[in-house]
């Protein structure tokens, strides 16, 4: 589409057809472009240097509902995440500010029952 980049096209396609699964094929492997594509709704990100087999694998993975990132891209995204200021357990849902915040980071989870309450029943006799 003239005048639009892959991220804009991805956003538009996800708006008009949410079930569409998008794989970005790019020469750029930096985390800014990759994360922007994923936030826009892409389910895969493959470098243009990818082999036919890798591209085929990416298509099958994304079609089956699994995210796919080329190895080099995945490595850079993980490095970025590890070097950033993210705290374990402090995820905040960007779609609902103030909701979905982790209670782990607030120190409110003390025992397994706080994570997944289970109703205990007496054994059968």
N, C-alpha and C. Protein backbone atom coordinates (compact mmCIF):
# COMPACT_ATOMS: atom_id res chain seq x y z
N UNK A 1 0.85 -1.17 0.00
CA UNK A 1 0.00 0.00 0.00
C UNK A 1 0.90 1.24 0.00
N UNK A 2 0.76 2.06 -0.99
CA UNK A 2 1.62 3.25 -1.08
C UNK A 2 1.43 4.17 0.12
N UNK A 3 2.56 4.70 0.61
CA UNK A 3 2.51 5.66 1.70
C UNK A 3 2.40 5.05 3.09
N UNK A 4 2.38 3.72 3.18
CA UNK A 4 2.26 3.07 4.49
C UNK A 4 3.43 2.11 4.68
N UNK A 5 3.88 1.99 5.93
CA UNK A 5 4.92 1.01 6.21
C UNK A 5 4.28 -0.27 6.75
N UNK A 6 5.09 -1.29 7.00
CA UNK A 6 4.57 -2.58 7.43
C UNK A 6 3.82 -2.52 8.75
N UNK A 7 4.28 -1.66 9.66
CA UNK A 7 3.62 -1.54 10.95
C UNK A 7 2.24 -0.91 10.80
N UNK A 8 2.15 0.13 9.98
CA UNK A 8 0.85 0.77 9.74
C UNK A 8 -0.12 -0.18 9.03
N UNK A 9 0.40 -0.94 8.09
CA UNK A 9 -0.45 -1.92 7.38
C UNK A 9 -0.92 -2.99 8.36
N UNK A 10 -0.03 -3.43 9.25
CA UNK A 10 -0.40 -4.43 10.25
C UNK A 10 -1.51 -3.89 11.15
N UNK A 11 -1.35 -2.67 11.65
CA UNK A 11 -2.38 -2.07 12.50
C UNK A 11 -3.72 -1.99 11.78
N UNK A 12 -3.67 -1.56 10.54
CA UNK A 12 -4.91 -1.42 9.77
C UNK A 12 -5.56 -2.79 9.52
N UNK A 13 -4.76 -3.77 9.18
CA UNK A 13 -5.32 -5.10 8.91
C UNK A 13 -5.90 -5.72 10.17
N UNK A 14 -5.27 -5.50 11.34
CA UNK A 14 -5.80 -6.04 12.59
C UNK A 14 -7.09 -5.33 12.99
N UNK A 15 -7.24 -4.07 12.59
CA UNK A 15 -8.47 -3.33 12.88
C UNK A 15 -9.61 -3.81 12.01
N UNK A 16 -9.34 -3.98 10.72
CA UNK A 16 -10.41 -4.37 9.80
C UNK A 16 -10.67 -5.87 9.79
N UNK A 17 -9.65 -6.65 10.14
CA UNK A 17 -9.79 -8.11 10.12
C UNK A 17 -8.94 -8.72 11.25
N UNK A 18 -9.47 -8.69 12.49
CA UNK A 18 -8.67 -9.11 13.65
C UNK A 18 -8.12 -10.54 13.58
N UNK A 19 -8.75 -11.41 12.81
CA UNK A 19 -8.27 -12.79 12.72
C UNK A 19 -7.07 -12.95 11.79
N UNK A 20 -6.72 -11.90 11.08
CA UNK A 20 -5.58 -11.95 10.17
C UNK A 20 -4.29 -12.14 10.96
N UNK A 21 -3.46 -13.05 10.52
CA UNK A 21 -2.17 -13.30 11.16
C UNK A 21 -1.08 -12.73 10.26
N UNK A 22 -0.28 -11.83 10.83
CA UNK A 22 0.71 -11.09 10.06
C UNK A 22 2.11 -11.52 10.44
N UNK A 23 2.94 -11.72 9.42
CA UNK A 23 4.37 -11.94 9.60
C UNK A 23 5.09 -10.80 8.89
N UNK A 24 5.91 -10.08 9.63
CA UNK A 24 6.71 -9.01 9.05
C UNK A 24 8.00 -9.63 8.51
N UNK A 25 8.34 -9.27 7.29
CA UNK A 25 9.59 -9.71 6.68
C UNK A 25 10.40 -8.44 6.43
N UNK A 26 11.53 -8.31 7.14
CA UNK A 26 12.26 -7.05 7.14
C UNK A 26 13.77 -7.26 7.14
N UNK A 27 14.48 -6.21 6.78
CA UNK A 27 15.94 -6.22 6.90
C UNK A 27 16.37 -5.72 8.27
N UNK A 28 15.43 -5.12 9.01
CA UNK A 28 15.74 -4.50 10.31
C UNK A 28 15.52 -5.50 11.44
N UNK A 29 16.55 -5.66 12.28
CA UNK A 29 16.44 -6.61 13.39
C UNK A 29 16.51 -5.92 14.75
N UNK A 30 16.49 -4.58 14.76
CA UNK A 30 16.59 -3.87 16.04
C UNK A 30 15.29 -4.01 16.83
N UNK A 31 15.44 -3.97 18.14
CA UNK A 31 14.29 -4.23 19.01
C UNK A 31 13.17 -3.21 18.85
N UNK A 32 13.47 -1.96 18.49
CA UNK A 32 12.44 -0.95 18.32
C UNK A 32 11.48 -1.36 17.20
N UNK A 33 12.02 -1.75 16.06
CA UNK A 33 11.17 -2.16 14.95
C UNK A 33 10.41 -3.46 15.25
N UNK A 34 11.09 -4.40 15.87
CA UNK A 34 10.46 -5.69 16.18
C UNK A 34 9.32 -5.49 17.17
N UNK A 35 9.60 -4.78 18.26
CA UNK A 35 8.56 -4.58 19.28
C UNK A 35 7.41 -3.74 18.74
N UNK A 36 7.69 -2.78 17.90
CA UNK A 36 6.63 -1.98 17.28
C UNK A 36 5.73 -2.86 16.42
N UNK A 37 6.33 -3.77 15.68
CA UNK A 37 5.56 -4.69 14.84
C UNK A 37 4.68 -5.61 15.69
N UNK A 38 5.26 -6.13 16.77
CA UNK A 38 4.49 -7.02 17.65
C UNK A 38 3.35 -6.28 18.33
N UNK A 39 3.61 -5.06 18.77
CA UNK A 39 2.56 -4.26 19.41
C UNK A 39 1.45 -3.91 18.42
N UNK A 40 1.82 -3.78 17.16
CA UNK A 40 0.83 -3.48 16.12
C UNK A 40 -0.04 -4.69 15.80
N UNK A 41 0.41 -5.87 16.23
CA UNK A 41 -0.40 -7.07 16.01
C UNK A 41 0.26 -8.16 15.20
N UNK A 42 1.50 -7.95 14.78
CA UNK A 42 2.20 -9.00 14.02
C UNK A 42 2.42 -10.20 14.92
N UNK A 43 2.30 -11.39 14.37
CA UNK A 43 2.54 -12.63 15.11
C UNK A 43 3.89 -13.23 14.76
N UNK A 44 4.54 -12.67 13.76
CA UNK A 44 5.84 -13.17 13.37
C UNK A 44 6.72 -12.06 12.84
N UNK A 45 8.03 -12.27 12.95
CA UNK A 45 8.99 -11.30 12.44
C UNK A 45 10.17 -12.10 11.92
N UNK A 46 10.35 -12.04 10.60
CA UNK A 46 11.39 -12.83 9.93
C UNK A 46 12.28 -11.87 9.15
N UNK A 47 13.57 -12.11 9.22
CA UNK A 47 14.51 -11.30 8.44
C UNK A 47 14.48 -11.70 6.98
N UNK A 48 14.74 -10.74 6.11
CA UNK A 48 14.72 -11.02 4.67
C UNK A 48 15.84 -11.97 4.26
N UNK A 49 16.80 -12.18 5.12
CA UNK A 49 17.88 -13.13 4.82
C UNK A 49 17.49 -14.56 5.19
N UNK A 50 16.28 -14.75 5.68
CA UNK A 50 15.83 -16.08 6.11
C UNK A 50 15.78 -17.05 4.94
N UNK A 51 16.06 -18.30 5.23
CA UNK A 51 15.99 -19.34 4.21
C UNK A 51 14.53 -19.67 3.93
N UNK A 52 14.31 -20.37 2.84
CA UNK A 52 12.96 -20.82 2.51
C UNK A 52 12.39 -21.68 3.64
N UNK A 53 13.22 -22.56 4.19
CA UNK A 53 12.77 -23.43 5.28
C UNK A 53 12.34 -22.63 6.51
N UNK A 54 13.10 -21.59 6.85
CA UNK A 54 12.72 -20.77 8.00
C UNK A 54 11.42 -20.03 7.74
N UNK A 55 11.28 -19.47 6.57
CA UNK A 55 10.05 -18.76 6.22
C UNK A 55 8.86 -19.72 6.25
N UNK A 56 9.05 -20.90 5.72
CA UNK A 56 8.00 -21.92 5.73
C UNK A 56 7.63 -22.28 7.17
N UNK A 57 8.64 -22.45 8.03
CA UNK A 57 8.41 -22.76 9.43
C UNK A 57 7.64 -21.62 10.12
N UNK A 58 8.03 -20.39 9.84
CA UNK A 58 7.35 -19.23 10.42
C UNK A 58 5.88 -19.20 10.02
N UNK A 59 5.61 -19.46 8.78
CA UNK A 59 4.22 -19.46 8.30
C UNK A 59 3.40 -20.52 9.02
N UNK A 60 3.96 -21.72 9.14
CA UNK A 60 3.24 -22.80 9.83
C UNK A 60 3.02 -22.49 11.30
N UNK A 61 4.03 -21.95 11.97
CA UNK A 61 3.91 -21.60 13.39
C UNK A 61 2.83 -20.55 13.60
N UNK A 62 2.92 -19.46 12.84
CA UNK A 62 1.96 -18.36 12.99
C UNK A 62 0.55 -18.82 12.62
N UNK A 63 0.43 -19.61 11.59
CA UNK A 63 -0.88 -20.13 11.19
C UNK A 63 -1.50 -20.96 12.32
N UNK A 64 -0.66 -21.68 13.06
CA UNK A 64 -1.17 -22.52 14.15
C UNK A 64 -1.39 -21.72 15.44
N UNK A 65 -1.10 -20.41 15.41
CA UNK A 65 -1.37 -19.56 16.56
C UNK A 65 -0.18 -19.27 17.45
N UNK A 66 1.02 -19.66 17.04
CA UNK A 66 2.23 -19.47 17.83
C UNK A 66 3.02 -18.29 17.27
N UNK A 67 3.58 -17.46 18.15
CA UNK A 67 4.45 -16.38 17.69
C UNK A 67 5.73 -16.98 17.11
N UNK A 68 6.32 -16.26 16.14
CA UNK A 68 7.59 -16.70 15.57
C UNK A 68 8.48 -15.49 15.37
N UNK A 69 9.73 -15.60 15.86
CA UNK A 69 10.75 -14.58 15.62
C UNK A 69 12.00 -15.29 15.12
N UNK A 70 12.64 -14.72 14.10
CA UNK A 70 13.92 -15.25 13.65
C UNK A 70 14.88 -15.28 14.83
N UNK A 71 15.82 -16.23 14.83
CA UNK A 71 16.75 -16.38 15.95
C UNK A 71 17.47 -15.09 16.31
N UNK A 72 17.99 -14.38 15.31
CA UNK A 72 18.72 -13.14 15.56
C UNK A 72 17.80 -12.09 16.20
N UNK A 73 16.58 -12.03 15.72
CA UNK A 73 15.61 -11.09 16.25
C UNK A 73 15.26 -11.46 17.69
N UNK A 74 15.01 -12.72 17.92
CA UNK A 74 14.66 -13.19 19.26
C UNK A 74 15.78 -12.87 20.26
N UNK A 75 17.01 -13.10 19.85
CA UNK A 75 18.16 -12.81 20.72
C UNK A 75 18.21 -11.33 21.10
N UNK A 76 18.01 -10.46 20.11
CA UNK A 76 18.07 -9.02 20.38
C UNK A 76 16.93 -8.57 21.29
N UNK A 77 15.75 -9.12 21.10
CA UNK A 77 14.61 -8.75 21.94
C UNK A 77 14.83 -9.22 23.38
N UNK A 78 15.36 -10.42 23.55
CA UNK A 78 15.65 -10.93 24.90
C UNK A 78 16.72 -10.08 25.56
N UNK A 79 17.78 -9.74 24.83
CA UNK A 79 18.84 -8.89 25.38
C UNK A 79 18.27 -7.54 25.80
N UNK A 80 17.43 -6.97 24.96
CA UNK A 80 16.80 -5.69 25.29
C UNK A 80 15.98 -5.81 26.57
N UNK A 81 15.19 -6.85 26.66
CA UNK A 81 14.34 -7.04 27.84
C UNK A 81 15.20 -7.21 29.10
N UNK A 82 16.23 -8.00 28.99
CA UNK A 82 17.09 -8.26 30.16
C UNK A 82 17.85 -7.02 30.61
N UNK A 83 18.17 -6.13 29.71
CA UNK A 83 18.92 -4.93 30.05
C UNK A 83 18.03 -3.75 30.42
N UNK A 84 16.73 -3.90 30.24
CA UNK A 84 15.82 -2.80 30.55
C UNK A 84 15.47 -2.83 32.03
N UNK A 85 14.67 -1.91 32.46
CA UNK A 85 14.33 -1.77 33.87
C UNK A 85 13.08 -2.52 34.27
N UNK A 86 12.75 -3.58 33.57
CA UNK A 86 11.57 -4.36 33.93
C UNK A 86 11.84 -5.13 35.22
N UNK A 87 10.89 -5.10 36.12
CA UNK A 87 11.01 -5.88 37.35
C UNK A 87 10.19 -7.14 37.19
N UNK A 88 10.72 -8.24 37.66
CA UNK A 88 10.00 -9.50 37.60
C UNK A 88 8.69 -9.35 38.37
N UNK A 89 7.61 -9.73 37.72
CA UNK A 89 6.31 -9.72 38.38
C UNK A 89 5.65 -8.36 38.45
N UNK A 90 6.14 -7.37 37.69
CA UNK A 90 5.53 -6.04 37.77
C UNK A 90 4.86 -5.66 36.45
N UNK A 91 4.33 -6.63 35.76
CA UNK A 91 3.67 -6.38 34.48
C UNK A 91 2.43 -5.52 34.68
N UNK A 92 2.25 -4.57 33.83
CA UNK A 92 1.05 -3.74 33.84
C UNK A 92 0.41 -3.87 32.47
N UNK A 93 -0.87 -4.13 32.45
CA UNK A 93 -1.60 -4.30 31.21
C UNK A 93 -1.75 -2.94 30.54
N UNK A 94 -1.13 -2.74 29.35
CA UNK A 94 -1.20 -1.43 28.69
C UNK A 94 -2.59 -1.08 28.21
N UNK A 95 -3.45 -2.08 28.03
CA UNK A 95 -4.81 -1.83 27.55
C UNK A 95 -5.74 -1.38 28.67
N UNK A 96 -5.36 -1.68 29.92
CA UNK A 96 -6.19 -1.32 31.06
C UNK A 96 -5.31 -0.78 32.18
N UNK A 97 -4.92 0.50 32.10
CA UNK A 97 -4.07 1.06 33.14
C UNK A 97 -4.71 0.87 34.52
N UNK A 98 -3.90 0.39 35.45
CA UNK A 98 -4.40 0.17 36.80
C UNK A 98 -5.04 -1.18 36.99
N UNK A 99 -5.27 -1.91 35.89
CA UNK A 99 -5.87 -3.24 35.99
C UNK A 99 -4.87 -4.26 35.50
N UNK A 100 -4.91 -5.43 36.05
CA UNK A 100 -4.01 -6.48 35.62
C UNK A 100 -2.63 -6.33 36.20
N UNK A 101 -2.45 -5.39 37.14
CA UNK A 101 -1.15 -5.21 37.76
C UNK A 101 -0.84 -6.44 38.61
N UNK A 102 0.39 -6.81 38.64
CA UNK A 102 0.78 -8.00 39.38
C UNK A 102 0.76 -7.74 40.87
N UNK A 103 0.21 -8.69 41.61
CA UNK A 103 0.26 -8.59 43.07
C UNK A 103 1.59 -9.11 43.60
N UNK A 104 2.34 -9.81 42.76
CA UNK A 104 3.64 -10.31 43.19
C UNK A 104 4.55 -9.14 43.53
N UNK A 105 4.58 -8.11 42.68
CA UNK A 105 5.47 -6.98 42.90
C UNK A 105 5.04 -6.17 44.12
N UNK A 106 3.80 -6.31 44.53
CA UNK A 106 3.32 -5.55 45.68
C UNK A 106 3.46 -6.35 46.97
N UNK A 107 4.00 -7.55 46.89
CA UNK A 107 4.25 -8.35 48.07
C UNK A 107 3.01 -8.92 48.71
N UNK A 108 1.93 -9.06 47.96
CA UNK A 108 0.70 -9.56 48.55
C UNK A 108 0.53 -11.06 48.42
N UNK A 109 1.38 -11.71 47.65
CA UNK A 109 1.26 -13.16 47.51
C UNK A 109 2.25 -13.80 48.46
N UNK A 110 1.74 -14.55 49.40
CA UNK A 110 2.60 -15.15 50.41
C UNK A 110 2.64 -16.67 50.32
N UNK A 111 1.60 -17.25 49.82
CA UNK A 111 1.54 -18.70 49.78
C UNK A 111 0.86 -19.16 48.51
N UNK A 112 1.00 -20.44 48.21
CA UNK A 112 0.39 -21.00 47.01
C UNK A 112 -1.11 -20.77 46.98
N UNK A 113 -1.77 -20.81 48.14
CA UNK A 113 -3.22 -20.65 48.14
C UNK A 113 -3.63 -19.26 47.67
N UNK A 114 -2.72 -18.27 47.81
CA UNK A 114 -3.02 -16.93 47.32
C UNK A 114 -2.97 -16.87 45.80
N UNK A 115 -2.21 -17.77 45.20
CA UNK A 115 -2.08 -17.79 43.75
C UNK A 115 -3.23 -18.57 43.12
N UNK A 116 -3.49 -19.77 43.62
CA UNK A 116 -4.53 -20.63 43.06
C UNK A 116 -5.27 -21.33 44.18
N UNK A 117 -6.33 -20.71 44.70
CA UNK A 117 -7.08 -21.34 45.77
C UNK A 117 -7.68 -22.67 45.31
N UNK A 118 -7.61 -23.64 46.16
CA UNK A 118 -8.13 -24.97 45.84
C UNK A 118 -9.08 -25.39 46.95
N UNK A 119 -10.23 -25.91 46.57
CA UNK A 119 -11.17 -26.41 47.55
C UNK A 119 -10.78 -27.84 47.90
N UNK A 120 -10.54 -28.07 49.16
CA UNK A 120 -10.13 -29.41 49.61
C UNK A 120 -11.37 -30.20 50.03
N UNK A 121 -11.47 -31.41 49.54
CA UNK A 121 -12.58 -32.29 49.89
C UNK A 121 -12.01 -33.49 50.61
N UNK A 122 -12.78 -34.04 51.56
CA UNK A 122 -12.29 -35.24 52.24
C UNK A 122 -12.18 -36.40 51.27
N UNK A 123 -11.26 -37.32 51.50
CA UNK A 123 -11.11 -38.46 50.60
C UNK A 123 -12.36 -39.34 50.64
N UNK A 124 -12.58 -40.05 49.53
CA UNK A 124 -13.71 -40.97 49.47
C UNK A 124 -13.48 -42.15 50.38
N UNK A 125 -14.53 -42.68 50.98
CA UNK A 125 -14.40 -43.85 51.87
C UNK A 125 -15.09 -45.02 51.29
